[in-house]
C-alpha atoms as a PDB file:
ATOM      1  CA  MET A   1     -87.993  24.262 -17.559  1.00  0.00           C
ATOM      2  CA  ALA A   2     -87.363  27.690 -15.976  1.00  0.00           C
ATOM      3  CA  ALA A   3     -90.612  27.426 -14.030  1.00  0.00           C
ATOM      4  CA  ARG A   4     -89.190  24.416 -12.109  1.00  0.00           C
ATOM      5  CA  ALA A   5     -86.168  26.314 -10.821  1.00  0.00           C
ATOM      6  CA  ASP A   6     -87.984  27.079  -7.552  1.00  0.00           C
ATOM      7  CA  PHE A   7     -88.157  23.314  -6.825  1.00  0.00           C
ATOM      8  CA  ILE A   8     -84.411  22.962  -6.451  1.00  0.00           C
ATOM      9  CA  GLU A   9     -82.541  24.038  -3.318  1.00  0.00           C
ATOM     10  CA  ILE A  10     -78.775  23.892  -2.882  1.00  0.00           C
ATOM     11  CA  GLY A  11     -77.846  22.978   0.676  1.00  0.00           C
ATOM     12  CA  LEU A  12     -74.334  23.903   1.924  1.00  0.00           C
ATOM     13  CA  ASN A  13     -73.125  21.368   4.582  1.00  0.00           C
ATOM     14  CA  ALA A  14     -69.936  21.529   6.624  1.00  0.00           C
ATOM     15  CA  ALA A  15     -68.112  18.551   8.107  1.00  0.00           C
ATOM     16  CA  ILE A  16     -65.859  20.437  10.565  1.00  0.00           C
ATOM     17  CA  VAL A  17     -63.149  18.190  11.995  1.00  0.00           C
ATOM     18  CA  ALA A  18     -60.875  18.912  14.969  1.00  0.00           C
ATOM     19  CA  MET A  19     -58.804  16.899  17.402  1.00  0.00           C
ATOM     20  CA  ILE A  20     -60.244  17.170  20.894  1.00  0.00           C
ATOM     21  CA  GLY A  21     -57.719  15.382  23.111  1.00  0.00           C
ATOM     22  CA  SER A  22     -56.927  12.185  21.279  1.00  0.00           C
ATOM     23  CA  ASP A  23     -60.315  11.988  19.547  1.00  0.00           C
ATOM     24  CA  PRO A  24     -61.046  13.069  15.915  1.00  0.00           C
ATOM     25  CA  CYS A  25     -64.257  14.997  16.434  1.00  0.00           C
ATOM     26  CA  ILE A  26     -66.974  16.530  14.262  1.00  0.00           C
ATOM     27  CA  LEU A  27     -68.834  19.744  15.066  1.00  0.00           C
ATOM     28  CA  ARG A  28     -72.563  18.993  15.401  1.00  0.00           C
ATOM     29  CA  VAL A  29     -75.591  21.230  15.790  1.00  0.00           C
ATOM     30  CA  PRO A  30     -79.100  20.220  16.874  1.00  0.00           C
ATOM     31  CA  GLY A  31     -81.145  18.250  14.423  1.00  0.00           C
ATOM     32  CA  GLN A  32     -84.832  18.612  13.719  1.00  0.00           C
ATOM     33  CA  SER A  33     -86.150  15.701  15.850  1.00  0.00           C
ATOM     34  CA  ARG A  34     -85.322  13.547  18.849  1.00  0.00           C
ATOM     35  CA  GLU A  35     -84.415  10.560  16.708  1.00  0.00           C
ATOM     36  CA  PHE A  36     -82.232  12.652  14.406  1.00  0.00           C
ATOM     37  CA  ALA A  37     -80.911  14.990  17.069  1.00  0.00           C
ATOM     38  CA  ASP A  38     -77.537  15.605  15.428  1.00  0.00           C
ATOM     39  CA  ALA A  39     -76.800  17.516  12.280  1.00  0.00           C
ATOM     40  CA  LEU A  40     -73.886  19.200  10.532  1.00  0.00           C
ATOM     41  CA  PRO A  41     -73.921  22.973  10.299  1.00  0.00           C
ATOM     42  CA  TRP A  42     -75.748  23.807   7.067  1.00  0.00           C
ATOM     43  CA  GLY A  43     -77.904  26.278   5.245  1.00  0.00           C
ATOM     44  CA  PRO A  44     -79.307  27.018   1.795  1.00  0.00           C
ATOM     45  CA  PHE A  45     -77.264  28.816  -0.832  1.00  0.00           C
ATOM     46  CA  ASP A  46     -78.765  32.173  -1.621  1.00  0.00           C
ATOM     47  CA  PRO A  47     -77.209  33.615  -4.840  1.00  0.00           C
ATOM     48  CA  LEU A  48     -78.683  37.082  -3.990  1.00  0.00           C
ATOM     49  CA  THR A  49     -76.754  37.099  -0.729  1.00  0.00           C
ATOM     50  CA  HIS A  50     -73.808  34.784  -1.177  1.00  0.00           C
ATOM     51  CA  ARG A  51     -71.329  35.667  -3.964  1.00  0.00           C
ATOM     52  CA  THR A  52     -69.945  32.101  -3.817  1.00  0.00           C
ATOM     53  CA  MET A  53     -71.102  28.890  -2.208  1.00  0.00           C
ATOM     54  CA  GLU A  54     -68.070  28.855   0.098  1.00  0.00           C
ATOM     55  CA  ILE A  55     -68.931  32.369   1.312  1.00  0.00           C
ATOM     56  CA  GLY A  56     -72.405  31.160   2.030  1.00  0.00           C
ATOM     57  CA  LEU A  57     -71.127  28.118   3.878  1.00  0.00           C
ATOM     58  CA  ARG A  58     -68.786  30.214   6.061  1.00  0.00           C
ATOM     59  CA  GLY A  59     -71.644  32.564   6.917  1.00  0.00           C
ATOM     60  CA  TRP A  60     -73.990  29.753   7.949  1.00  0.00           C
ATOM     61  CA  VAL A  61     -71.322  28.050  10.049  1.00  0.00           C
ATOM     62  CA  GLU A  62     -70.463  31.270  11.942  1.00  0.00           C
ATOM     63  CA  GLU A  63     -74.118  32.003  12.521  1.00  0.00           C
ATOM     64  CA  GLN A  64     -74.882  28.498  13.801  1.00  0.00           C
ATOM     65  CA  THR A  65     -71.678  27.685  15.766  1.00  0.00           C
ATOM     66  CA  ALA A  66     -69.786  31.023  16.436  1.00  0.00           C
ATOM     67  CA  LEU A  67     -66.813  29.380  14.626  1.00  0.00           C
ATOM     68  CA  ARG A  68     -64.902  31.135  11.856  1.00  0.00           C
ATOM     69  CA  LEU A  69     -63.622  28.517   9.401  1.00  0.00           C
ATOM     70  CA  GLY A  70     -60.074  28.371   8.152  1.00  0.00           C
ATOM     71  CA  TYR A  71     -59.238  25.611   5.645  1.00  0.00           C
ATOM     72  CA  VAL A  72     -62.213  24.479   3.596  1.00  0.00           C
ATOM     73  CA  GLU A  73     -62.536  22.239   0.541  1.00  0.00           C
ATOM     74  CA  GLN A  74     -65.574  20.994  -1.334  1.00  0.00           C
ATOM     75  CA  LEU A  75     -66.110  17.260  -1.014  1.00  0.00           C
ATOM     76  CA  TYR A  76     -68.973  15.979  -3.100  1.00  0.00           C
ATOM     77  CA  THR A  77     -72.420  16.840  -4.382  1.00  0.00           C
ATOM     78  CA  PHE A  78     -75.349  14.539  -3.616  1.00  0.00           C
ATOM     79  CA  GLY A  79     -78.253  15.238  -5.970  1.00  0.00           C
ATOM     80  CA  ASP A  80     -80.045  11.902  -6.459  1.00  0.00           C
ATOM     81  CA  ARG A  81     -83.772  12.043  -5.926  1.00  0.00           C
ATOM     82  CA  GLY A  82     -85.165   9.951  -3.126  1.00  0.00           C
ATOM     83  CA  ARG A  83     -82.229  10.517  -0.748  1.00  0.00           C
ATOM     84  CA  GLN A  84     -84.552  12.276   1.700  1.00  0.00           C
ATOM     85  CA  ARG A  85     -88.197  11.508   2.176  1.00  0.00           C
ATOM     86  CA  ILE A  86     -90.589  14.341   1.300  1.00  0.00           C
ATOM     87  CA  GLU A  87     -94.258  13.740   2.035  1.00  0.00           C
ATOM     88  CA  ASP A  88     -96.369  13.604  -1.170  1.00  0.00           C
ATOM     89  CA  ASP A  89     -93.175  14.463  -3.124  1.00  0.00           C
ATOM     90  CA  ALA A  90     -93.739  18.130  -2.148  1.00  0.00           C
ATOM     91  CA  GLY A  91     -91.169  20.790  -1.413  1.00  0.00           C
ATOM     92  CA  PRO A  92     -87.897  21.531  -3.160  1.00  0.00           C
ATOM     93  CA  HIS A  93     -85.495  18.903  -4.442  1.00  0.00           C
ATOM     94  CA  VAL A  94     -82.421  19.413  -2.301  1.00  0.00           C
ATOM     95  CA  VAL A  95     -78.959  19.136  -3.862  1.00  0.00           C
ATOM     96  CA  SER A  96     -76.504  18.735  -0.957  1.00  0.00           C
ATOM     97  CA  VAL A  97     -72.995  20.116  -1.359  1.00  0.00           C
ATOM     98  CA  GLY A  98     -70.627  18.751   1.271  1.00  0.00           C
ATOM     99  CA  TYR A  99     -67.494  20.526   2.508  1.00  0.00           C
ATOM    100  CA  LEU A 100     -64.605  19.420   4.644  1.00  0.00           C
ATOM    101  CA  ALA A 101     -63.219  21.968   7.101  1.00  0.00           C
ATOM    102  CA  LEU A 102     -60.220  21.431   9.391  1.00  0.00           C
ATOM    103  CA  THR A 103     -59.782  23.564  12.505  1.00  0.00           C
ATOM    104  CA  ARG A 104     -57.816  23.830  15.698  1.00  0.00           C
ATOM    105  CA  VAL A 105     -60.070  24.780  18.520  1.00  0.00           C
ATOM    106  CA  GLN A 106     -58.709  26.795  21.462  1.00  0.00           C
ATOM    107  CA  ALA A 107     -60.112  26.391  24.929  1.00  0.00           C
ATOM    108  CA  ASP A 108     -61.385  29.993  24.952  1.00  0.00           C
ATOM    109  CA  GLN A 109     -63.488  29.327  21.840  1.00  0.00           C
ATOM    110  CA  MET A 110     -65.518  26.492  23.436  1.00  0.00           C
ATOM    111  CA  PRO A 111     -67.930  28.651  25.548  1.00  0.00           C
ATOM    112  CA  ALA A 112     -69.067  30.588  22.469  1.00  0.00           C
ATOM    113  CA  ILE A 113     -69.484  27.370  20.509  1.00  0.00           C
ATOM    114  CA  ARG A 114     -71.548  25.809  23.294  1.00  0.00           C
ATOM    115  CA  LEU A 115     -73.627  28.963  23.706  1.00  0.00           C
ATOM    116  CA  ALA A 116     -74.516  28.741  20.064  1.00  0.00           C
ATOM    117  CA  GLY A 117     -75.861  25.219  20.661  1.00  0.00           C
ATOM    118  CA  ALA A 118     -72.976  23.435  18.870  1.00  0.00           C
ATOM    119  CA  GLU A 119     -70.755  20.769  20.213  1.00  0.00           C
ATOM    120  CA  PHE A 120     -67.763  18.652  19.157  1.00  0.00           C
ATOM    121  CA  ARG A 121     -68.350  14.839  19.324  1.00  0.00           C
ATOM    122  CA  SER A 122     -66.212  11.923  18.281  1.00  0.00           C
ATOM    123  CA  TRP A 123     -66.884  11.113  14.638  1.00  0.00           C
ATOM    124  CA  TYR A 124     -66.828   7.438  15.686  1.00  0.00           C
ATOM    125  CA  GLN A 125     -70.110   8.043  17.552  1.00  0.00           C
ATOM    126  CA  PHE A 126     -71.716   8.274  14.172  1.00  0.00           C
ATOM    127  CA  LEU A 127     -69.579   5.711  12.260  1.00  0.00           C
ATOM    128  CA  PRO A 128     -68.492   3.315  15.024  1.00  0.00           C
ATOM    129  CA  TRP A 129     -67.484   0.456  12.672  1.00  0.00           C
ATOM    130  CA  GLU A 130     -64.695   2.764  11.337  1.00  0.00           C
ATOM    131  CA  ASP A 131     -62.995   2.853  14.750  1.00  0.00           C
ATOM    132  CA  TRP A 132     -60.098   0.424  14.558  1.00  0.00           C
ATOM    133  CA  ARG A 133     -57.956   2.051  17.246  1.00  0.00           C
ATOM    134  CA  GLN A 134     -58.461  -1.006  19.490  1.00  0.00           C
ATOM    135  CA  GLY A 135     -58.535  -3.533  16.656  1.00  0.00           C
ATOM    136  CA  ARG A 136     -61.328  -4.745  14.405  1.00  0.00           C
ATOM    137  CA  PRO A 137     -64.672  -3.573  15.830  1.00  0.00           C
ATOM    138  CA  ALA A 138     -66.810  -6.479  17.137  1.00  0.00           C
ATOM    139  CA  MET A 139     -69.954  -5.037  15.637  1.00  0.00           C
ATOM    140  CA  LEU A 140     -68.604  -5.710  12.132  1.00  0.00           C
ATOM    141  CA  ASP A 141     -68.692  -9.481  12.523  1.00  0.00           C
ATOM    142  CA  GLU A 142     -71.569  -9.623  15.034  1.00  0.00           C
ATOM    143  CA  LEU A 143     -74.029  -7.265  13.251  1.00  0.00           C
ATOM    144  CA  ILE A 144     -72.974  -5.539  10.060  1.00  0.00           C
ATOM    145  CA  VAL A 145     -71.187  -8.150   7.883  1.00  0.00           C
ATOM    146  CA  PRO A 146     -73.896 -10.835   8.299  1.00  0.00           C
ATOM    147  CA  ALA A 147     -76.721  -8.348   7.535  1.00  0.00           C
ATOM    148  CA  VAL A 148     -75.025  -6.639   4.624  1.00  0.00           C
ATOM    149  CA  THR A 149     -73.960  -9.984   3.158  1.00  0.00           C
ATOM    150  CA  ASN A 150     -77.540 -11.272   3.390  1.00  0.00           C
ATOM    151  CA  TRP A 151     -78.753  -8.145   1.605  1.00  0.00           C
ATOM    152  CA  ALA A 152     -76.172  -8.514  -1.140  1.00  0.00           C
ATOM    153  CA  GLY A 153     -77.228 -12.056  -1.865  1.00  0.00           C
ATOM    154  CA  LYS A 154     -80.830 -10.934  -2.346  1.00  0.00           C
ATOM    155  CA  ALA A 155     -79.926  -7.785  -4.278  1.00  0.00           C
ATOM    156  CA  GLY A 156     -77.821  -9.888  -6.663  1.00  0.00           C
ATOM    157  CA  ARG A 157     -81.003 -11.523  -7.925  1.00  0.00           C
ATOM    158  CA  THR A 158     -82.678  -8.245  -8.831  1.00  0.00           C
ATOM    159  CA  PRO A 159     -82.155  -5.712 -11.692  1.00  0.00           C
ATOM    160  CA  TYR A 160     -79.982  -3.764  -9.207  1.00  0.00           C
ATOM    161  CA  ALA A 161     -77.184  -6.248  -9.889  1.00  0.00           C
ATOM    162  CA  SER A 162     -76.903  -5.135 -13.516  1.00  0.00           C
ATOM    163  CA  ARG A 163     -75.522  -1.726 -12.540  1.00  0.00           C
ATOM    164  CA  GLY A 164     -71.774  -1.812 -12.168  1.00  0.00           C
ATOM    165  CA  LEU A 165     -70.229  -4.323  -9.764  1.00  0.00           C
ATOM    166  CA  ALA A 166     -72.408  -7.043  -8.306  1.00  0.00           C
ATOM    167  CA  PRO A 167     -73.539  -6.288  -4.745  1.00  0.00           C
ATOM    168  CA  GLU A 168     -71.549  -9.270  -3.367  1.00  0.00           C
ATOM    169  CA  THR A 169     -68.391  -7.891  -4.986  1.00  0.00           C
ATOM    170  CA  ARG A 170     -68.996  -4.398  -3.609  1.00  0.00           C
ATOM    171  CA  VAL A 171     -69.533  -5.809  -0.120  1.00  0.00           C
ATOM    172  CA  ARG A 172     -66.386  -7.985  -0.344  1.00  0.00           C
ATOM    173  CA  ILE A 173     -64.248  -5.011  -1.420  1.00  0.00           C
ATOM    174  CA  ALA A 174     -65.724  -2.455   0.965  1.00  0.00           C
ATOM    175  CA  PHE A 175     -65.639  -4.677   4.071  1.00  0.00           C
ATOM    176  CA  GLY A 176     -62.441  -6.490   3.334  1.00  0.00           C
ATOM    177  CA  LEU A 177     -63.932 -10.013   3.100  1.00  0.00           C
ATOM    178  CA  ASP A 178     -62.649 -13.255   1.560  1.00  0.00           C
ATOM    179  CA  GLY A 179     -59.049 -12.177   1.663  1.00  0.00           C
ATOM    180  CA  ALA A 180     -59.619  -8.598   0.486  1.00  0.00           C
ATOM    181  CA  PRO A 181     -57.793  -5.997   2.611  1.00  0.00           C
ATOM    182  CA  TRP A 182     -59.764  -3.522   4.742  1.00  0.00           C
ATOM    183  CA  ASP A 183     -59.251  -0.105   3.094  1.00  0.00           C
ATOM    184  CA  GLU A 184     -59.907   2.811   5.434  1.00  0.00           C
ATOM    185  CA  ASP A 185     -60.547   5.067   2.447  1.00  0.00           C
ATOM    186  CA  TYR A 186     -63.818   3.183   1.674  1.00  0.00           C
ATOM    187  CA  ALA A 187     -65.757   4.801   4.535  1.00  0.00           C
ATOM    188  CA  LEU A 188     -68.388   6.281   2.144  1.00  0.00           C
ATOM    189  CA  ASP A 189     -68.749   2.962   0.253  1.00  0.00           C
ATOM    190  CA  ARG A 190     -69.408   1.131   3.523  1.00  0.00           C
ATOM    191  CA  TYR A 191     -72.032   3.681   4.628  1.00  0.00           C
ATOM    192  CA  GLU A 192     -73.778   3.594   1.215  1.00  0.00           C
ATOM    193  CA  LEU A 193     -73.972  -0.202   1.321  1.00  0.00           C
ATOM    194  CA  MET A 194     -75.338  -0.139   4.864  1.00  0.00           C
ATOM    195  CA  TYR A 195     -77.920   2.451   3.788  1.00  0.00           C
ATOM    196  CA  SER A 196     -78.937   0.329   0.839  1.00  0.00           C
ATOM    197  CA  ALA A 197     -79.228  -2.728   3.155  1.00  0.00           C
ATOM    198  CA  GLY A 198     -81.393  -0.909   5.697  1.00  0.00           C
ATOM    199  CA  LEU A 199     -78.791  -0.995   8.485  1.00  0.00           C
ATOM    200  CA  VAL A 200     -78.950   2.665   9.388  1.00  0.00           C
ATOM    201  CA  ALA A 201     -81.891   4.709  10.686  1.00  0.00           C
ATOM    202  CA  GLU A 202     -81.699   7.109   7.763  1.00  0.00           C
ATOM    203  CA  SER A 203     -82.821   4.366   5.361  1.00  0.00           C
ATOM    204  CA  VAL A 204     -85.987   3.884   7.396  1.00  0.00           C
ATOM    205  CA  ARG A 205     -86.622   7.619   7.637  1.00  0.00           C
ATOM    206  CA  ASP A 206     -86.289   7.948   3.938  1.00  0.00           C
ATOM    207  CA  GLY A 207     -88.898   5.219   3.261  1.00  0.00           C
ATOM    208  CA  ARG A 208     -86.532   2.595   1.948  1.00  0.00           C
ATOM    209  CA  TYR A 209     -87.481   0.149   4.716  1.00  0.00           C
ATOM    210  CA  ASP A 210     -90.283  -0.137   7.256  1.00  0.00           C
ATOM    211  CA  ALA A 211     -87.784  -1.003  10.034  1.00  0.00           C
ATOM    212  CA  LEU A 212     -84.048  -1.495  10.558  1.00  0.00           C
ATOM    213  CA  GLN A 213     -82.780  -4.704   9.049  1.00  0.00           C
ATOM    214  CA  VAL A 214     -80.268  -5.360  11.834  1.00  0.00           C
ATOM    215  CA  ASP A 215     -80.732  -6.262  15.519  1.00  0.00           C
ATOM    216  CA  GLY A 216     -78.447  -3.738  17.125  1.00  0.00           C
ATOM    217  CA  PRO A 217     -77.341  -0.061  17.086  1.00  0.00           C
ATOM    218  CA  THR A 218     -75.264   1.162  14.158  1.00  0.00           C
ATOM    219  CA  GLY A 219     -74.187   4.605  15.357  1.00  0.00           C
ATOM    220  CA  SER A 220     -76.072   7.856  15.999  1.00  0.00           C
ATOM    221  CA  ALA A 221     -78.294   8.904  13.111  1.00  0.00           C
ATOM    222  CA  MET A 222     -78.058  12.354  11.587  1.00  0.00           C
ATOM    223  CA  ASP A 223     -80.361  14.734   9.821  1.00  0.00           C
ATOM    224  CA  HIS A 224     -80.570  15.026   6.051  1.00  0.00           C
ATOM    225  CA  ASP A 225     -77.584  13.615   4.142  1.00  0.00           C
ATOM    226  CA  HIS A 226     -75.245  14.494   7.015  1.00  0.00           C
ATOM    227  CA  ARG A 227     -73.980  11.012   7.995  1.00  0.00           C
ATOM    228  CA  ARG A 228     -73.298  10.377   4.316  1.00  0.00           C
ATOM    229  CA  ILE A 229     -71.386  13.669   4.108  1.00  0.00           C
ATOM    230  CA  LEU A 230     -69.459  12.759   7.314  1.00  0.00           C
ATOM    231  CA  ALA A 231     -68.429   9.413   5.785  1.00  0.00           C
ATOM    232  CA  THR A 232     -67.226  11.260   2.679  1.00  0.00           C
ATOM    233  CA  ALA A 233     -65.231  13.673   4.822  1.00  0.00           C
ATOM    234  CA  MET A 234     -63.673  10.812   6.770  1.00  0.00           C
ATOM    235  CA  ALA A 235     -62.625   9.032   3.577  1.00  0.00           C
ATOM    236  CA  ARG A 236     -61.254  12.258   2.054  1.00  0.00           C
ATOM    237  CA  LEU A 237     -59.225  13.196   5.145  1.00  0.00           C
ATOM    238  CA  ARG A 238     -57.838   9.727   5.606  1.00  0.00           C
ATOM    239  CA  SER A 239     -56.682   9.770   1.985  1.00  0.00           C
ATOM    240  CA  LYS A 240     -55.167  13.273   2.200  1.00  0.00           C
ATOM    241  CA  LEU A 241     -53.150  12.433   5.295  1.00  0.00           C
ATOM    242  CA  LYS A 242     -51.245   9.881   3.220  1.00  0.00           C
ATOM    243  CA  TYR A 243     -49.996  12.250   0.523  1.00  0.00           C
ATOM    244  CA  ARG A 244     -50.323  15.842   1.856  1.00  0.00           C
ATOM    245  CA  PRO A 245     -48.283  16.480   5.016  1.00  0.00           C
ATOM    246  CA  VAL A 246     -49.515  20.096   4.995  1.00  0.00           C
ATOM    247  CA  VAL A 247     -52.704  18.787   6.538  1.00  0.00           C
ATOM    248  CA  PHE A 248     -50.787  18.156   9.779  1.00  0.00           C
ATOM    249  CA  GLU A 249     -50.269  21.893  10.106  1.00  0.00           C
ATOM    250  CA  LEU A 250     -54.040  22.216  10.630  1.00  0.00           C
ATOM    251  CA  MET A 251     -54.362  19.361  13.111  1.00  0.00           C
ATOM    252  CA  ALA A 252     -52.981  18.430  16.471  1.00  0.00           C
ATOM    253  CA  ASP A 253     -49.685  16.542  16.695  1.00  0.00           C
ATOM    254  CA  GLU A 254     -51.460  13.153  16.490  1.00  0.00           C
ATOM    255  CA  PHE A 255     -54.358  12.079  14.326  1.00  0.00           C
ATOM    256  CA  SER A 256     -55.858   8.633  13.831  1.00  0.00           C
END
């Protein structure tokens, strides 16, 4: 067992959120390809260099974005095999540890951030179906709900349906269908269902599908697990804003 330790890599990934004007934004760095041009700041945990994973995360973020983090909390660990496609099953198995960081960015910090190749972008660019500021997004009823419902009907007739809730039930709850309320805290559940249904580019990249199973764009794709981590950060922050007013001290006066 010890001989296989070299095949596991712990990736430290930061979802860094700030209000830019009236937009909740995420700090992105360049991805590894044109199709997956956006990524979260990240780097591997090196126990010989980093005393803790959080210290490692802060170091990678400052190196890649010139930003020193303040508030940071660990979100979730994604370790399932098959999340990322690796040719011939070679290379290390990556365990992704996601973190949420909140920051207030001053105007004089932006030049250094841009010089480092980083940039703040609206988090709705990556998860546009979550943007209800102008009402229910049209793409839900025009693209996403029909496609994910169709997938759930097919998945319900496979062994997949025996694990936990039936796919149809998961879709109904996550997307607020058949009288169920829309719950903004289910951002990760919605992304996971869309990934399983082949509605995001990452599911094609990872070899789950040969092509997208929807006739329309579903947000900007991201490298690695990063859109999944962003969805987790969105859900966590939305939930925290309901019961921890201290979060407002780290954000601008308004947050949506």
